[in-house]
Every structure is written in C-alpha cells, then in structure tokens.
Amino acid sequence: MLNKQLYQEVLARLKDASRRKRSELWESHTWMLHRDNAPAHSSLLNTNCLANRQTSVGCHPPYSPDFLLFSKLKTILKGRRFQTIEEIQENAVRELRTVTESALQKEFHQLKKRWENCIASRGDCIEGDST
C-alpha cells in the first residue's frame, strides 16, 4: 500500500531519473509532476518536499475519468490475488504492453483537453465531461 513515506521514496527516484534523462528541463525548473489527489500524494510532507525542490505540480482534474493505463490495470487486475510482488509486476507489465501507441496518444490528447477545461474553469467541477 502506498503511504506518504513510500511516495517520498518514489519522488526521490523520479527526481534522480528526471535529472539524468531530461537535464534541460530539470535545470530550467520547467518540468511538471502530474499526480492525483490521493492522500499519500497530497500529504503535507510530500507537498513541502515538492515545494522545497521547486517542483510544479499539475493535479488530476476533480471528477475526471482515470488515465487509460490506471483504469485498464484496475479493471483487469481487480479481485485477483497475487503471491509475490514479482507476480504483480509481471501481470501489470504484460497488460501494459497490450496498450497501443495510438491508444496512448488518444488518451494523452483527452487528458490535455481535461486539463485545459479544468484550467479554464479555475478548478471547478466540470459536469458531463465526456473527453
């Protein structure tokens, strides 16, 4: 289960990876972390950690459908029991590999539209958002 301490460890690994792989964005402070509003993500500990690192955070629009990969994994893996972490990882990776590039592009386009709608509405709930 993800808690605020584990999430902070994930953020540290992400920071190191982004600094290595996208150094130009890291140095200019122009990269943004997209996250949902789960309690572990929005804890005071992690919010302060991101603020201290001058990390911009784009939160998931409220009441917005999940990103394709998360909903796909939840649907497929829901109710199944796994004996080991490795078994969970193997099943998740196998399912993620079935997602096509065009499906990912479509989902990112729809996510961008939801962000734009959320920004335009200043974070208010957007009823009937079918994007």
Protein backbone atom coordinates (compact mmCIF):
# COMPACT_ATOMS: atom_id res chain seq x y z
CA MET A 1 0.00 0.00 0.00
CA LEU A 2 1.28 3.42 -0.92
CA ASN A 3 1.82 5.72 2.02
CA LYS A 4 3.42 9.15 2.26
CA GLN A 5 6.87 7.78 3.15
CA LEU A 6 6.92 5.32 0.24
CA TYR A 7 5.67 8.04 -2.09
CA GLN A 8 8.54 10.27 -0.95
CA GLU A 9 10.98 7.48 -1.89
CA VAL A 10 9.33 7.24 -5.32
CA LEU A 11 9.67 11.02 -5.71
CA ALA A 12 13.38 10.82 -4.89
CA ARG A 13 13.91 8.17 -7.60
CA LEU A 14 11.85 10.23 -10.04
CA LYS A 15 13.92 13.30 -9.27
CA ASP A 16 17.15 11.44 -9.98
CA ALA A 17 15.80 9.92 -13.19
CA SER A 18 14.42 13.22 -14.48
CA ARG A 19 17.68 15.00 -13.69
CA ARG A 20 19.61 12.38 -15.72
CA LYS A 21 17.17 11.95 -18.62
CA ARG A 22 15.80 15.49 -19.05
CA SER A 23 18.54 17.67 -17.61
CA GLU A 24 17.47 20.73 -19.62
CA LEU A 25 14.00 20.66 -18.03
CA TRP A 26 15.45 19.95 -14.60
CA GLU A 27 17.93 22.84 -14.75
CA SER A 28 15.34 25.32 -16.01
CA HIS A 29 12.70 24.16 -13.48
CA THR A 30 10.22 23.72 -16.33
CA TRP A 31 9.21 20.11 -15.71
CA MET A 32 5.93 19.34 -14.01
CA LEU A 33 4.77 16.39 -11.97
CA HIS A 34 1.24 15.18 -12.72
CA ARG A 35 -0.43 13.43 -9.81
CA ASP A 36 -3.88 12.70 -8.50
CA ASN A 37 -5.14 13.87 -5.13
CA ALA A 38 -4.62 10.63 -3.21
CA PRO A 39 -3.84 11.27 0.47
CA ALA A 40 -0.28 9.93 0.12
CA HIS A 41 0.36 12.27 -2.80
CA SER A 42 -1.10 15.38 -1.22
CA SER A 43 0.25 14.90 2.31
CA LEU A 44 1.90 17.91 3.91
CA LEU A 45 5.21 16.01 3.96
CA ASN A 46 5.18 15.47 0.19
CA THR A 47 3.69 18.85 -0.66
CA ASN A 48 6.53 20.54 1.29
CA CYS A 49 9.11 18.22 -0.30
CA LEU A 50 7.96 19.22 -3.80
CA ALA A 51 7.82 22.90 -2.88
CA ASN A 52 11.37 22.77 -1.47
CA ARG A 53 12.55 21.24 -4.75
CA GLN A 54 10.69 23.90 -6.73
CA THR A 55 8.64 21.23 -8.49
CA SER A 56 5.49 22.38 -10.25
CA VAL A 57 2.58 20.04 -9.66
CA GLY A 58 -0.33 19.53 -12.03
CA CYS A 59 -3.12 17.84 -10.11
CA HIS A 60 -5.60 15.49 -11.68
CA PRO A 61 -8.82 17.36 -12.51
CA PRO A 62 -11.53 16.58 -9.95
CA TYR A 63 -14.16 14.07 -11.02
CA SER A 64 -12.19 13.34 -14.16
CA PRO A 65 -12.04 9.79 -15.51
CA ASP A 66 -8.84 7.94 -14.71
CA PHE A 67 -6.00 7.94 -17.14
CA LEU A 68 -6.29 4.95 -19.50
CA LEU A 69 -3.44 2.92 -18.04
CA PHE A 70 -4.70 3.09 -14.47
CA SER A 71 -8.29 2.22 -15.28
CA LYS A 72 -7.17 -0.59 -17.61
CA LEU A 73 -4.95 -2.11 -14.93
CA LYS A 74 -7.61 -1.74 -12.23
CA THR A 75 -10.23 -3.43 -14.41
CA ILE A 76 -8.02 -6.35 -15.41
CA LEU A 77 -6.32 -6.96 -12.06
CA LYS A 78 -9.30 -6.22 -9.79
CA GLY A 79 -10.17 -9.08 -7.47
CA ARG A 80 -7.14 -11.18 -8.36
CA ARG A 81 -4.77 -12.41 -5.67
CA PHE A 82 -1.01 -12.48 -6.13
CA GLN A 83 1.53 -14.31 -4.02
CA THR A 84 4.53 -12.04 -4.64
CA ILE A 85 5.43 -8.52 -5.70
CA GLU A 86 7.11 -10.04 -8.75
CA GLU A 87 3.86 -11.72 -9.78
CA ILE A 88 2.03 -8.37 -9.52
CA GLN A 89 4.74 -6.69 -11.61
CA GLU A 90 4.71 -9.42 -14.27
CA ASN A 91 0.94 -9.21 -14.67
CA ALA A 92 0.93 -5.41 -14.76
CA VAL A 93 3.74 -5.24 -17.31
CA ARG A 94 2.07 -7.88 -19.51
CA GLU A 95 -1.17 -5.86 -19.54
CA LEU A 96 0.59 -2.53 -20.15
CA ARG A 97 2.36 -3.99 -23.18
CA THR A 98 -1.02 -4.59 -24.83
CA VAL A 99 -1.72 -0.84 -24.98
CA THR A 100 -1.03 0.51 -28.47
CA GLU A 101 0.81 3.72 -29.24
CA SER A 102 -2.30 5.18 -30.90
CA ALA A 103 -4.37 4.43 -27.77
CA LEU A 104 -1.78 6.23 -25.63
CA GLN A 105 -1.71 9.23 -27.99
CA LYS A 106 -5.50 9.44 -27.91
CA GLU A 107 -5.57 9.23 -24.11
CA PHE A 108 -2.90 11.94 -23.70
CA HIS A 109 -4.85 14.19 -26.06
CA GLN A 110 -8.01 13.68 -24.00
CA LEU A 111 -6.11 14.25 -20.76
CA LYS A 112 -4.74 17.52 -22.16
CA LYS A 113 -8.28 18.62 -23.03
CA ARG A 114 -9.43 17.82 -19.47
CA TRP A 115 -6.54 19.86 -18.05
CA GLU A 116 -7.43 22.79 -20.30
CA ASN A 117 -11.08 22.57 -19.24
CA CYS A 118 -10.05 22.43 -15.59
CA ILE A 119 -7.77 25.46 -16.00
CA ALA A 120 -10.47 27.39 -17.88
CA SER A 121 -12.99 26.64 -15.12
CA ARG A 122 -10.43 27.52 -12.42
CA GLY A 123 -10.66 24.05 -10.92
CA ASP A 124 -14.44 23.89 -10.63
CA CYS A 125 -16.15 20.57 -11.28
CA ILE A 126 -16.99 20.08 -14.93
CA GLU A 127 -20.22 18.11 -15.14
CA GLY A 128 -20.67 15.77 -18.07
CA ASP A 129 -17.04 15.97 -19.21
CA SER A 130 -17.04 13.29 -21.88
CA THR A 131 -13.49 13.87 -23.13
